[in-house]
Protein backbone atom coordinates (compact mmCIF):
# COMPACT_ATOMS: atom_id res chain seq x y z
CA MET A 1 -7.86 0.50 -32.67
CA PRO A 2 -4.81 2.84 -32.64
CA VAL A 3 -4.30 5.19 -35.55
CA PRO A 4 -1.38 3.95 -37.71
CA THR A 5 1.72 6.10 -37.85
CA LEU A 6 2.81 7.73 -41.08
CA ARG A 7 5.60 5.16 -41.38
CA GLN A 8 3.12 2.28 -40.94
CA ARG A 9 0.91 3.85 -43.58
CA PHE A 10 3.94 4.16 -45.89
CA ASN A 11 4.83 0.50 -45.32
CA ALA A 12 1.21 -0.45 -46.17
CA LEU A 13 1.54 1.55 -49.40
CA ARG A 14 4.81 -0.22 -50.30
CA LYS A 15 3.22 -3.62 -49.65
CA THR A 16 0.05 -2.77 -51.59
CA MET A 17 2.01 -1.52 -54.59
CA ALA A 18 4.58 -4.37 -54.29
CA TRP A 19 7.40 -1.79 -54.37
CA SER A 20 10.97 -2.54 -53.37
CA TRP A 21 13.31 0.27 -52.34
CA LYS A 22 14.91 -0.05 -55.77
CA ASP A 23 11.48 0.47 -57.38
CA ILE A 24 11.00 3.62 -55.29
CA ASP A 25 14.42 4.90 -56.35
CA GLN A 26 13.49 4.37 -60.02
CA ILE A 27 10.06 6.00 -59.62
CA THR A 28 11.36 9.05 -57.77
CA GLY A 29 14.55 9.43 -59.80
CA ARG A 30 16.77 9.07 -56.75
CA SER A 31 20.20 7.62 -57.35
CA ASP A 32 21.04 4.30 -55.74
CA THR A 33 20.62 5.58 -52.16
CA GLY A 34 18.32 2.93 -50.77
CA SER A 35 15.63 5.59 -50.15
CA ASN A 36 16.40 5.82 -46.46
CA ILE A 37 13.40 7.54 -44.93
CA SER A 38 14.44 7.10 -41.32
CA LYS A 39 14.66 10.90 -40.99
CA GLY A 40 10.99 11.24 -41.94
CA VAL A 41 8.57 10.40 -44.69
CA PRO A 42 9.16 12.72 -47.67
CA ASN A 43 6.33 14.91 -48.97
CA TRP A 44 6.06 12.89 -52.20
CA ALA A 45 5.42 9.80 -50.08
CA ARG A 46 2.74 11.58 -48.04
CA LEU A 47 0.90 12.41 -51.25
CA ALA A 48 1.21 8.79 -52.46
CA ILE A 49 -0.01 7.46 -49.09
CA VAL A 50 -3.19 9.55 -49.18
CA ALA A 51 -3.81 8.67 -52.84
CA ASN A 52 -3.37 4.96 -52.05
CA GLU A 53 -5.69 5.09 -49.02
CA ARG A 54 -8.42 6.79 -51.06
CA TYR A 55 -7.97 4.25 -53.84
CA GLN A 56 -8.20 1.39 -51.32
CA HIS A 57 -11.57 2.68 -50.07
CA LEU A 58 -12.85 2.79 -53.65
CA LEU A 59 -11.49 -0.71 -54.40
CA ARG A 60 -13.20 -2.07 -51.27
CA LEU A 61 -16.47 -0.46 -52.28
CA HIS A 62 -16.27 -2.03 -55.74
CA ILE A 63 -15.49 -5.49 -54.33
CA ILE A 64 -18.28 -5.27 -51.74
CA ASP A 65 -20.72 -4.16 -54.45
CA ALA A 66 -19.63 -6.97 -56.80
CA VAL A 67 -20.25 -9.54 -54.04
CA ARG A 68 -23.62 -7.93 -53.21
CA ARG A 69 -24.69 -8.14 -56.87
CA GLU A 70 -23.59 -11.78 -57.10
CA ILE A 71 -25.41 -13.02 -53.96
CA GLY A 72 -28.46 -10.76 -54.12
CA TYR A 73 -29.82 -7.80 -52.23
CA GLU A 74 -31.74 -9.84 -49.64
CA TRP A 75 -28.46 -10.56 -47.82
CA THR A 76 -27.76 -8.21 -44.89
CA LEU A 77 -24.45 -6.34 -44.93
CA ARG A 78 -22.74 -5.42 -41.65
CA GLN A 79 -19.47 -3.61 -41.13
CA ARG A 80 -17.58 -5.41 -38.36
CA SER A 81 -14.55 -3.09 -38.37
CA ASP A 82 -12.83 -0.61 -40.68
CA CYS A 83 -11.58 -3.54 -42.76
CA GLU A 84 -14.13 -6.33 -42.24
CA PHE A 85 -17.60 -6.72 -43.74
CA THR A 86 -20.04 -9.62 -43.37
CA PHE A 87 -23.03 -10.60 -45.48
CA THR A 88 -25.69 -12.86 -43.92
CA PRO A 89 -28.71 -14.32 -45.73
CA PRO A 90 -32.27 -14.30 -44.38
CA HIS A 91 -32.04 -18.11 -44.43
CA PRO A 92 -30.43 -20.51 -43.70
CA VAL A 93 -29.34 -19.05 -40.40
CA GLY A 94 -25.62 -19.42 -39.76
CA HIS A 95 -24.39 -18.89 -43.30
CA HIS A 96 -22.14 -15.92 -43.94
CA ILE A 97 -19.70 -14.36 -46.35
CA THR A 98 -17.02 -12.24 -44.71
CA LEU A 99 -14.66 -9.92 -46.55
CA SER A 100 -11.57 -8.92 -44.60
CA PHE A 101 -9.25 -6.37 -46.24
CA SER A 102 -5.60 -5.74 -45.38
CA PRO A 103 -2.80 -4.10 -47.37
CA ALA A 104 -2.42 -5.93 -50.69
CA GLN A 105 -4.95 -8.67 -49.98
CA LEU A 106 -8.54 -9.69 -49.44
CA LEU A 107 -9.51 -12.64 -47.24
CA LEU A 108 -12.87 -14.15 -48.17
CA LEU A 109 -14.22 -16.39 -45.40
CA SER A 110 -17.49 -18.27 -45.86
CA ASN A 111 -19.57 -21.36 -45.22
CA SER A 112 -22.08 -20.44 -47.93
CA PRO A 113 -22.74 -22.44 -51.11
CA HIS A 114 -22.51 -19.08 -52.96
CA LEU A 115 -18.78 -18.98 -52.26
CA SER A 116 -17.73 -20.71 -55.49
CA LYS A 117 -19.58 -18.09 -57.59
CA ILE A 118 -17.88 -15.27 -55.71
CA ILE A 119 -14.44 -16.86 -56.05
CA HIS A 120 -15.00 -17.26 -59.79
CA LEU A 121 -16.13 -13.64 -60.08
CA LEU A 122 -13.17 -12.18 -58.20
CA ASN A 123 -10.64 -14.61 -59.68
CA GLU A 124 -11.07 -13.09 -63.15
CA ILE A 125 -9.61 -9.78 -61.99
CA HIS A 126 -7.49 -10.93 -59.04
CA PRO A 127 -6.17 -14.32 -60.22
CA SER A 128 -3.57 -14.88 -57.51
CA ILE A 129 -5.51 -16.85 -54.87
CA LYS A 130 -4.93 -19.35 -52.09
CA THR A 131 -7.82 -21.43 -50.70
CA GLU A 132 -7.95 -23.56 -47.58
CA LYS A 133 -10.72 -25.45 -45.79
CA ARG A 134 -10.87 -24.71 -42.06
CA ASN A 135 -11.92 -27.03 -39.24
CA ASN A 136 -15.01 -24.93 -38.42
CA GLY A 137 -16.51 -25.63 -41.87
CA ASN A 138 -15.48 -22.28 -43.35
CA THR A 139 -13.48 -21.91 -46.51
CA ALA A 140 -10.83 -19.17 -46.48
CA THR A 141 -9.75 -17.74 -49.81
CA THR A 142 -7.06 -15.07 -50.01
CA PHE A 143 -6.85 -12.79 -53.05
CA CYS A 144 -3.73 -10.76 -53.82
CA LEU A 145 -4.77 -7.16 -54.55
CA THR A 146 -1.43 -5.84 -55.78
CA PRO A 147 -1.28 -4.33 -59.24
CA THR A 148 0.45 -6.20 -62.03
CA ASN A 149 3.65 -4.87 -63.57
CA ASP A 150 1.81 -4.47 -66.87
CA PRO A 151 -1.73 -3.08 -66.28
CA PRO A 152 -2.48 -2.50 -70.01
CA THR A 153 -1.85 -6.20 -70.74
CA GLN A 154 -4.11 -7.27 -67.87
CA LEU A 155 -6.91 -5.02 -69.22
CA LYS A 156 -6.38 -6.30 -72.77
CA GLN A 157 -6.63 -9.94 -71.59
CA TYR A 158 -9.87 -9.17 -69.78
CA LEU A 159 -11.33 -7.36 -72.79
CA ASP A 160 -10.23 -10.13 -75.17
CA GLU A 161 -12.23 -12.60 -73.10
CA HIS A 162 -15.30 -10.53 -72.17
CA ALA A 163 -15.74 -7.63 -74.61
CA LEU A 164 -17.50 -7.72 -77.94
CA PRO A 165 -15.09 -7.82 -80.89
CA ASP A 166 -14.66 -4.62 -82.91
């Protein structure tokens, strides 16, 4: 797999953060210039790219661990690629749960009866989902992993539902 260019990494950051060029102008304080970076990726963007990539690794680890805790530790975990991980149970043979990460989304592909529990678990934090049944018997569920425009409200809603009252 070829190493992505700095520009491709920047585009992945923009997609993950759901930033328009106007958003970038507001964040960086640039006047209405359109943030043309055709002459090179600015140093501030390089810093943001590395921060995003490190955050994405941590987010993936948390999601993989949440799935592992939901299905149990007897399932075998295999890394298929940098962005794809598959859990397989000791029985029945043929069942699987595959997590495939890309910028701003997670694709959950499975033929396991545990799928509904995992969807419910992840849906509480990542509510924007799309599910489809495939011809091969697998169910594909896509979760949007972009941040909301109001993170404190999202945390408050979660705490209101799951935390003990003061």
